Amino acid sequence: MLIICISLMLHLWQLGPDFKFQTIAQNLPPEEVSALKDMSNKLGRKQPFEFNASVCIDDQRFAIFVAGISCDCTYDNNRTCHVTKLFWNDDGLTGNVPEEVANLTHLEELNLSGNELYGAIPDFLGNMTSLYQVDLSNNQLSGPIPDSVGNLKAQAQNL
């Protein structure tokens, strides 16, 4: 224990007098928390937890593997997280692609494949400026692919 304390003190001394301890709160904005909750409820997603503002930072592995989301917490000098990936594939979801997806304004990847989604592919997907990968395959979606989807950053669109 003494060795750990001495080692820590030595490292802090090497950092110099400008080093300051600080705690940075990193949270999802309320509109993203609300969007995740609403989407989950509308699609009948069965999750063993409640979405909250700290879902991204409590345990990143938990966020990815249980919540099905990945976040980037480098916004506003590491004070704000945003959902960048949503992986709700093969989750037994039913319903239309919810409009709340558009409230995830930093979303880069969306995977809702292998569910029981129906209705049309929503036009708003093509207006999401950060979105570059969409997988809606293996659902019961119908109708034409909206022209706006051509606005997505070129990568992979599996519609």
Protein backbone atom coordinates (compact mmCIF):
# COMPACT_ATOMS: atom_id res chain seq x y z
CA MET A 1 0.00 0.00 0.00
CA LEU A 2 2.84 2.34 0.85
CA ILE A 3 4.47 1.62 -2.51
CA ILE A 4 1.24 2.51 -4.34
CA CYS A 5 0.95 5.81 -2.45
CA ILE A 6 4.57 6.73 -3.15
CA SER A 7 4.16 5.80 -6.81
CA LEU A 8 1.01 7.91 -7.11
CA MET A 9 2.69 10.88 -5.46
CA LEU A 10 5.68 10.54 -7.80
CA HIS A 11 3.41 10.49 -10.87
CA LEU A 12 1.48 13.53 -9.66
CA TRP A 13 4.74 15.38 -8.99
CA GLN A 14 5.84 14.61 -12.58
CA LEU A 15 2.63 16.13 -13.91
CA GLY A 16 3.72 19.46 -12.50
CA PRO A 17 1.98 22.34 -10.71
CA ASP A 18 -0.55 22.95 -13.51
CA PHE A 19 -2.22 19.58 -12.99
CA LYS A 20 -5.68 19.90 -11.46
CA PHE A 21 -8.07 17.18 -10.39
CA GLN A 22 -11.46 17.58 -11.93
CA THR A 23 -14.60 15.61 -12.27
CA ILE A 24 -16.45 15.91 -15.53
CA ALA A 25 -20.09 14.95 -15.67
CA GLN A 26 -20.87 13.18 -18.93
CA ASN A 27 -24.51 12.70 -19.70
CA LEU A 28 -26.81 12.12 -22.62
CA PRO A 29 -28.97 15.14 -23.42
CA PRO A 30 -32.58 14.74 -22.19
CA GLU A 31 -33.95 14.62 -25.75
CA GLU A 32 -31.78 11.57 -26.53
CA VAL A 33 -32.80 9.79 -23.31
CA SER A 34 -36.43 10.53 -24.14
CA ALA A 35 -35.99 9.31 -27.72
CA LEU A 36 -34.47 6.01 -26.55
CA LYS A 37 -37.25 5.45 -24.01
CA ASP A 38 -40.00 6.30 -26.51
CA MET A 39 -38.50 4.15 -29.25
CA SER A 40 -38.07 1.24 -26.87
CA ASN A 41 -41.68 1.49 -25.70
CA LYS A 42 -43.13 1.92 -29.21
CA LEU A 43 -41.24 -1.06 -30.59
CA GLY A 44 -41.88 -3.32 -27.60
CA ARG A 45 -38.20 -3.70 -26.78
CA LYS A 46 -37.67 -5.89 -23.77
CA GLN A 47 -34.81 -4.47 -21.74
CA PRO A 48 -33.78 -5.25 -18.18
CA PHE A 49 -33.05 -1.62 -17.29
CA GLU A 50 -34.27 1.95 -17.62
CA PHE A 51 -32.57 4.36 -20.01
CA ASN A 52 -31.10 7.31 -18.15
CA ALA A 53 -28.71 10.18 -18.75
CA SER A 54 -25.68 8.19 -17.61
CA VAL A 55 -26.27 4.99 -19.61
CA CYS A 56 -23.24 5.71 -21.80
CA ILE A 57 -20.74 6.20 -19.02
CA ASP A 58 -21.76 3.80 -16.28
CA ASP A 59 -20.27 0.91 -18.20
CA GLN A 60 -19.59 1.19 -21.93
CA ARG A 61 -19.78 -2.62 -22.35
CA PHE A 62 -23.21 -2.55 -20.70
CA ALA A 63 -24.32 0.22 -23.05
CA ILE A 64 -23.22 -1.69 -26.13
CA PHE A 65 -24.27 -5.23 -25.23
CA VAL A 66 -27.38 -4.67 -23.14
CA ALA A 67 -28.73 -1.28 -24.20
CA GLY A 68 -27.63 -1.79 -27.81
CA ILE A 69 -26.10 1.66 -28.08
CA SER A 70 -22.66 3.13 -28.44
CA CYS A 71 -21.86 6.69 -27.47
CA ASP A 72 -19.26 9.34 -28.08
CA CYS A 73 -18.59 11.31 -24.90
CA THR A 74 -16.12 13.83 -26.31
CA TYR A 75 -18.59 16.65 -27.00
CA ASP A 76 -18.42 19.95 -25.11
CA ASN A 77 -14.93 19.26 -23.75
CA ASN A 78 -15.88 15.74 -22.64
CA ARG A 79 -18.98 16.92 -20.80
CA THR A 80 -21.67 15.56 -23.12
CA CYS A 81 -22.32 12.15 -24.64
CA HIS A 82 -24.32 11.46 -27.79
CA VAL A 83 -25.64 8.18 -29.12
CA THR A 84 -23.65 7.39 -32.27
CA LYS A 85 -24.65 3.78 -32.88
CA LEU A 86 -27.91 1.94 -32.29
CA PHE A 87 -27.85 -1.85 -32.61
CA TRP A 88 -31.36 -3.16 -32.00
CA ASN A 89 -31.09 -5.94 -34.55
CA ASP A 90 -32.73 -9.34 -33.98
CA ASP A 91 -34.56 -7.93 -30.96
CA GLY A 92 -38.13 -9.02 -31.74
CA LEU A 93 -39.20 -5.42 -32.35
CA THR A 94 -42.54 -4.69 -34.00
CA GLY A 95 -44.02 -1.52 -35.45
CA ASN A 96 -42.98 1.30 -37.73
CA VAL A 97 -39.50 2.81 -37.63
CA PRO A 98 -40.19 5.44 -34.95
CA GLU A 99 -39.77 9.13 -35.76
CA GLU A 100 -37.82 9.53 -32.50
CA VAL A 101 -34.79 8.14 -34.33
CA ALA A 102 -34.44 11.63 -35.81
CA ASN A 103 -33.85 13.00 -32.28
CA LEU A 104 -30.58 11.07 -32.14
CA THR A 105 -28.88 13.83 -34.11
CA HIS A 106 -25.36 12.38 -33.83
CA LEU A 107 -26.39 8.88 -34.90
CA GLU A 108 -23.91 7.40 -37.38
CA GLU A 109 -25.02 3.77 -37.55
CA LEU A 110 -28.53 2.36 -37.29
CA ASN A 111 -29.18 -1.37 -37.29
CA LEU A 112 -32.78 -2.50 -36.88
CA SER A 113 -32.40 -5.60 -39.06
CA GLY A 114 -33.99 -8.95 -38.31
CA ASN A 115 -37.07 -7.63 -36.54
CA GLU A 116 -40.73 -7.41 -37.48
CA LEU A 117 -40.84 -3.77 -38.53
CA TYR A 118 -43.46 -2.83 -41.08
CA GLY A 119 -44.64 0.20 -42.98
CA ALA A 120 -42.58 2.51 -45.15
CA ILE A 121 -38.94 3.40 -44.77
CA PRO A 122 -39.15 6.87 -43.25
CA ASP A 123 -38.06 9.87 -45.27
CA PHE A 124 -36.37 11.51 -42.26
CA LEU A 125 -33.52 8.97 -42.34
CA GLY A 126 -32.07 10.73 -45.37
CA ASN A 127 -32.04 14.04 -43.52
CA MET A 128 -29.91 12.82 -40.63
CA THR A 129 -26.58 14.49 -41.36
CA SER A 130 -24.36 12.17 -39.28
CA LEU A 131 -25.96 8.91 -40.39
CA TYR A 132 -23.88 6.87 -42.83
CA GLN A 133 -24.81 3.24 -42.20
CA VAL A 134 -28.36 1.90 -42.12
CA ASP A 135 -29.47 -1.72 -41.95
CA LEU A 136 -33.23 -2.33 -42.05
CA SER A 137 -32.98 -5.70 -43.80
CA ASN A 138 -35.05 -8.75 -42.86
CA ASN A 139 -38.13 -6.84 -41.75
CA GLN A 140 -41.56 -6.44 -43.39
CA LEU A 141 -41.00 -2.90 -44.64
CA SER A 142 -42.87 -1.94 -47.77
CA GLY A 143 -43.02 0.79 -50.37
CA PRO A 144 -40.30 2.59 -52.26
CA ILE A 145 -36.99 3.66 -50.78
CA PRO A 146 -37.32 7.41 -50.23
CA ASP A 147 -35.23 9.66 -52.48
CA SER A 148 -33.85 11.39 -49.38
CA VAL A 149 -31.93 8.22 -48.48
CA GLY A 150 -29.58 9.22 -51.29
CA ASN A 151 -28.50 12.12 -49.06
CA LEU A 152 -26.84 9.75 -46.59
CA LYS A 153 -23.08 9.76 -46.44
CA ALA A 154 -21.85 7.02 -48.76
CA GLN A 155 -21.04 3.83 -46.88
CA ALA A 156 -23.47 0.98 -46.64
CA GLN A 157 -27.22 1.08 -46.79
CA ASN A 158 -28.87 -2.29 -46.44
CA LEU A 159 -32.52 -1.53 -46.92
